[in-house]
Amino acid sequence: MVAPVESLESIVQWLRAELAVVFDRPIGDIDPSASFAQLGVDSGTLTHLAVGLEDLLGIELDPDIVADLKTVDALAVHAHGVRLDRLASP
């Protein structure tokens, strides 16, 4: 079981680790500011990442917004914001 993800940085690291596994590359090769296209992320992999984040963070991500995000950093920022909004809601 993955430890709880609390910070933006931990979300970035989780995403990098997931992509490292998917592409069988060292995590250091996953540049969070590189575009998904540069990393070789297709729509199926992006869906895998989004579903994983939803499960990990206990949130629901809008697939239309996720599809418009271009980098690991952008996806992490969005997911972190959704999580913070969820935690702030009564």
N, C-alpha and C. Protein backbone atom coordinates (compact mmCIF):
# COMPACT_ATOMS: atom_id res chain seq x y z
N MET A 1 0.85 -1.19 0.00
CA MET A 1 0.00 0.00 0.00
C MET A 1 0.88 1.24 0.00
N VAL A 2 0.53 2.22 -0.81
CA VAL A 2 1.28 3.46 -0.90
C VAL A 2 0.95 4.34 0.29
N ALA A 3 1.96 4.98 0.85
CA ALA A 3 1.75 5.89 1.97
C ALA A 3 0.88 7.06 1.53
N PRO A 4 0.16 7.66 2.46
CA PRO A 4 -0.69 8.80 2.10
C PRO A 4 0.13 9.91 1.45
N VAL A 5 -0.47 10.54 0.49
CA VAL A 5 0.19 11.63 -0.23
C VAL A 5 -0.39 12.93 0.31
N GLU A 6 0.47 13.74 0.89
CA GLU A 6 -0.02 14.96 1.53
C GLU A 6 0.37 16.24 0.80
N SER A 7 1.54 16.28 0.20
CA SER A 7 2.05 17.52 -0.37
C SER A 7 2.06 17.47 -1.90
N LEU A 8 2.18 18.64 -2.47
CA LEU A 8 2.30 18.73 -3.93
C LEU A 8 3.53 17.95 -4.39
N GLU A 9 4.64 18.10 -3.69
CA GLU A 9 5.87 17.41 -4.06
C GLU A 9 5.68 15.89 -4.02
N SER A 10 4.95 15.40 -3.02
CA SER A 10 4.75 13.95 -2.94
C SER A 10 3.86 13.45 -4.08
N ILE A 11 2.95 14.28 -4.55
CA ILE A 11 2.12 13.91 -5.70
C ILE A 11 2.99 13.85 -6.96
N VAL A 12 3.86 14.84 -7.13
CA VAL A 12 4.78 14.83 -8.27
C VAL A 12 5.63 13.56 -8.23
N GLN A 13 6.16 13.23 -7.06
CA GLN A 13 7.01 12.04 -6.94
C GLN A 13 6.22 10.77 -7.22
N TRP A 14 4.98 10.71 -6.77
CA TRP A 14 4.15 9.53 -7.05
C TRP A 14 3.95 9.37 -8.55
N LEU A 15 3.63 10.49 -9.22
CA LEU A 15 3.42 10.44 -10.67
C LEU A 15 4.70 10.02 -11.40
N ARG A 16 5.83 10.57 -11.00
CA ARG A 16 7.10 10.19 -11.62
C ARG A 16 7.38 8.70 -11.41
N ALA A 17 7.11 8.21 -10.21
CA ALA A 17 7.34 6.79 -9.92
C ALA A 17 6.43 5.91 -10.77
N GLU A 18 5.18 6.31 -10.92
CA GLU A 18 4.25 5.54 -11.76
C GLU A 18 4.74 5.49 -13.21
N LEU A 19 5.17 6.63 -13.73
CA LEU A 19 5.65 6.67 -15.11
C LEU A 19 6.94 5.88 -15.26
N ALA A 20 7.79 5.90 -14.26
CA ALA A 20 9.02 5.11 -14.31
C ALA A 20 8.70 3.63 -14.44
N VAL A 21 7.68 3.18 -13.73
CA VAL A 21 7.26 1.77 -13.81
C VAL A 21 6.65 1.49 -15.19
N VAL A 22 5.74 2.36 -15.62
CA VAL A 22 5.06 2.16 -16.91
C VAL A 22 6.07 2.07 -18.05
N PHE A 23 7.08 2.95 -18.03
CA PHE A 23 8.03 3.01 -19.14
C PHE A 23 9.32 2.25 -18.85
N ASP A 24 9.39 1.61 -17.70
CA ASP A 24 10.58 0.84 -17.31
C ASP A 24 11.84 1.68 -17.46
N ARG A 25 11.78 2.86 -16.85
CA ARG A 25 12.91 3.79 -16.88
C ARG A 25 13.20 4.25 -15.46
N PRO A 26 14.41 4.72 -15.18
CA PRO A 26 14.70 5.27 -13.86
C PRO A 26 13.84 6.51 -13.59
N ILE A 27 13.45 6.69 -12.36
CA ILE A 27 12.61 7.83 -12.01
C ILE A 27 13.30 9.15 -12.37
N GLY A 28 14.61 9.17 -12.32
CA GLY A 28 15.35 10.37 -12.68
C GLY A 28 15.20 10.77 -14.13
N ASP A 29 14.78 9.84 -14.97
CA ASP A 29 14.54 10.13 -16.39
C ASP A 29 13.18 10.78 -16.63
N ILE A 30 12.35 10.83 -15.60
CA ILE A 30 11.00 11.39 -15.74
C ILE A 30 11.03 12.85 -15.29
N ASP A 31 11.14 13.75 -16.25
CA ASP A 31 11.18 15.19 -15.96
C ASP A 31 9.75 15.69 -15.78
N PRO A 32 9.41 16.15 -14.58
CA PRO A 32 8.02 16.56 -14.35
C PRO A 32 7.59 17.79 -15.14
N SER A 33 8.56 18.53 -15.68
CA SER A 33 8.19 19.70 -16.47
C SER A 33 8.16 19.41 -17.97
N ALA A 34 8.57 18.21 -18.36
CA ALA A 34 8.50 17.83 -19.77
C ALA A 34 7.06 17.57 -20.15
N SER A 35 6.74 17.81 -21.40
CA SER A 35 5.37 17.56 -21.84
C SER A 35 5.10 16.05 -21.83
N PHE A 36 3.83 15.71 -21.66
CA PHE A 36 3.46 14.30 -21.72
C PHE A 36 3.87 13.70 -23.07
N ALA A 37 3.76 14.48 -24.13
CA ALA A 37 4.17 13.99 -25.45
C ALA A 37 5.66 13.65 -25.47
N GLN A 38 6.48 14.51 -24.87
CA GLN A 38 7.92 14.24 -24.82
C GLN A 38 8.22 12.98 -24.02
N LEU A 39 7.43 12.74 -22.98
CA LEU A 39 7.64 11.56 -22.14
C LEU A 39 7.09 10.29 -22.77
N GLY A 40 6.24 10.44 -23.78
CA GLY A 40 5.63 9.27 -24.42
C GLY A 40 4.31 8.85 -23.79
N VAL A 41 3.71 9.77 -23.04
CA VAL A 41 2.44 9.48 -22.37
C VAL A 41 1.31 9.61 -23.38
N ASP A 42 0.54 8.53 -23.54
CA ASP A 42 -0.63 8.57 -24.42
C ASP A 42 -1.89 8.70 -23.56
N SER A 43 -3.04 8.72 -24.20
CA SER A 43 -4.29 8.93 -23.47
C SER A 43 -4.57 7.80 -22.48
N GLY A 44 -4.21 6.59 -22.82
CA GLY A 44 -4.40 5.46 -21.90
C GLY A 44 -3.55 5.59 -20.65
N THR A 45 -2.31 6.01 -20.83
CA THR A 45 -1.42 6.20 -19.68
C THR A 45 -1.90 7.37 -18.83
N LEU A 46 -2.36 8.43 -19.46
CA LEU A 46 -2.88 9.57 -18.72
C LEU A 46 -4.11 9.17 -17.91
N THR A 47 -4.97 8.35 -18.49
CA THR A 47 -6.13 7.84 -17.75
C THR A 47 -5.68 7.01 -16.57
N HIS A 48 -4.69 6.15 -16.76
CA HIS A 48 -4.12 5.34 -15.68
C HIS A 48 -3.64 6.23 -14.54
N LEU A 49 -2.93 7.31 -14.88
CA LEU A 49 -2.43 8.23 -13.86
C LEU A 49 -3.58 8.91 -13.11
N ALA A 50 -4.58 9.37 -13.86
CA ALA A 50 -5.70 10.07 -13.24
C ALA A 50 -6.48 9.16 -12.30
N VAL A 51 -6.75 7.94 -12.73
CA VAL A 51 -7.47 6.99 -11.88
C VAL A 51 -6.65 6.66 -10.63
N GLY A 52 -5.34 6.49 -10.81
CA GLY A 52 -4.48 6.24 -9.67
C GLY A 52 -4.50 7.38 -8.67
N LEU A 53 -4.47 8.61 -9.17
CA LEU A 53 -4.54 9.78 -8.28
C LEU A 53 -5.88 9.85 -7.57
N GLU A 54 -6.95 9.56 -8.28
CA GLU A 54 -8.27 9.57 -7.65
C GLU A 54 -8.32 8.58 -6.48
N ASP A 55 -7.80 7.39 -6.71
CA ASP A 55 -7.79 6.38 -5.65
C ASP A 55 -6.88 6.80 -4.50
N LEU A 56 -5.72 7.30 -4.84
CA LEU A 56 -4.72 7.67 -3.84
C LEU A 56 -5.18 8.83 -2.97
N LEU A 57 -5.79 9.82 -3.60
CA LEU A 57 -6.15 11.05 -2.90
C LEU A 57 -7.61 11.10 -2.45
N GLY A 58 -8.40 10.14 -2.88
CA GLY A 58 -9.82 10.15 -2.51
C GLY A 58 -10.57 11.30 -3.14
N ILE A 59 -10.26 11.57 -4.41
CA ILE A 59 -10.88 12.69 -5.13
C ILE A 59 -11.45 12.19 -6.45
N GLU A 60 -12.15 13.10 -7.12
CA GLU A 60 -12.63 12.81 -8.48
C GLU A 60 -12.10 13.91 -9.39
N LEU A 61 -11.41 13.50 -10.45
CA LEU A 61 -10.86 14.45 -11.41
C LEU A 61 -11.72 14.50 -12.66
N ASP A 62 -11.95 15.69 -13.15
CA ASP A 62 -12.72 15.88 -14.38
C ASP A 62 -11.85 15.43 -15.56
N PRO A 63 -12.28 14.40 -16.30
CA PRO A 63 -11.46 13.89 -17.40
C PRO A 63 -11.18 14.93 -18.49
N ASP A 64 -12.09 15.89 -18.68
CA ASP A 64 -11.86 16.92 -19.68
C ASP A 64 -10.72 17.85 -19.27
N ILE A 65 -10.66 18.17 -17.99
CA ILE A 65 -9.57 19.02 -17.50
C ILE A 65 -8.26 18.25 -17.57
N VAL A 66 -8.27 16.99 -17.11
CA VAL A 66 -7.07 16.17 -17.14
C VAL A 66 -6.52 16.06 -18.56
N ALA A 67 -7.39 15.90 -19.53
CA ALA A 67 -6.96 15.76 -20.94
C ALA A 67 -6.26 17.01 -21.44
N ASP A 68 -6.56 18.17 -20.86
CA ASP A 68 -5.94 19.42 -21.29
C ASP A 68 -4.61 19.70 -20.60
N LEU A 69 -4.29 18.96 -19.56
CA LEU A 69 -3.04 19.18 -18.84
C LEU A 69 -1.89 18.59 -19.63
N LYS A 70 -0.75 19.24 -19.60
CA LYS A 70 0.34 18.87 -20.51
C LYS A 70 1.57 18.28 -19.83
N THR A 71 1.69 18.38 -18.50
CA THR A 71 2.89 17.90 -17.81
C THR A 71 2.54 17.22 -16.50
N VAL A 72 3.50 16.48 -15.96
CA VAL A 72 3.35 15.88 -14.63
C VAL A 72 3.10 16.99 -13.61
N ASP A 73 3.89 18.07 -13.70
CA ASP A 73 3.71 19.17 -12.75
C ASP A 73 2.29 19.73 -12.81
N ALA A 74 1.76 19.93 -14.01
CA ALA A 74 0.41 20.49 -14.15
C ALA A 74 -0.64 19.53 -13.58
N LEU A 75 -0.49 18.25 -13.84
CA LEU A 75 -1.44 17.27 -13.30
C LEU A 75 -1.36 17.23 -11.79
N ALA A 76 -0.16 17.30 -11.24
CA ALA A 76 0.02 17.29 -9.79
C ALA A 76 -0.62 18.52 -9.15
N VAL A 77 -0.39 19.69 -9.74
CA VAL A 77 -0.97 20.93 -9.20
C VAL A 77 -2.49 20.84 -9.22
N HIS A 78 -3.04 20.37 -10.31
CA HIS A 78 -4.50 20.25 -10.42
C HIS A 78 -5.05 19.28 -9.37
N ALA A 79 -4.46 18.10 -9.28
CA ALA A 79 -4.94 17.09 -8.33
C ALA A 79 -4.80 17.59 -6.89
N HIS A 80 -3.69 18.26 -6.60
CA HIS A 80 -3.48 18.80 -5.25
C HIS A 80 -4.55 19.84 -4.93
N GLY A 81 -4.86 20.71 -5.89
CA GLY A 81 -5.90 21.71 -5.68
C GLY A 81 -7.27 21.09 -5.45
N VAL A 82 -7.60 20.06 -6.23
CA VAL A 82 -8.88 19.37 -6.04
C VAL A 82 -8.93 18.74 -4.65
N ARG A 83 -7.82 18.15 -4.24
CA ARG A 83 -7.76 17.52 -2.91
C ARG A 83 -7.93 18.57 -1.81
N LEU A 84 -7.25 19.71 -1.93
CA LEU A 84 -7.39 20.76 -0.92
C LEU A 84 -8.82 21.29 -0.87
N ASP A 85 -9.45 21.46 -2.03
CA ASP A 85 -10.85 21.88 -2.07
C ASP A 85 -11.75 20.87 -1.36
N ARG A 86 -11.48 19.60 -1.60
CA ARG A 86 -12.27 18.54 -0.97
C ARG A 86 -12.10 18.55 0.54
N LEU A 87 -10.87 18.75 0.99
CA LEU A 87 -10.61 18.78 2.43
C LEU A 87 -11.24 19.99 3.09
N ALA A 88 -11.35 21.09 2.35
CA ALA A 88 -11.92 22.33 2.89
C ALA A 88 -13.45 22.30 2.92
N SER A 89 -14.04 21.41 2.14
CA SER A 89 -15.50 21.33 2.10
C SER A 89 -16.02 20.58 3.32
N PRO A 90 -17.12 21.08 3.87
CA PRO A 90 -17.68 20.39 5.06
C PRO A 90 -18.27 19.03 4.74
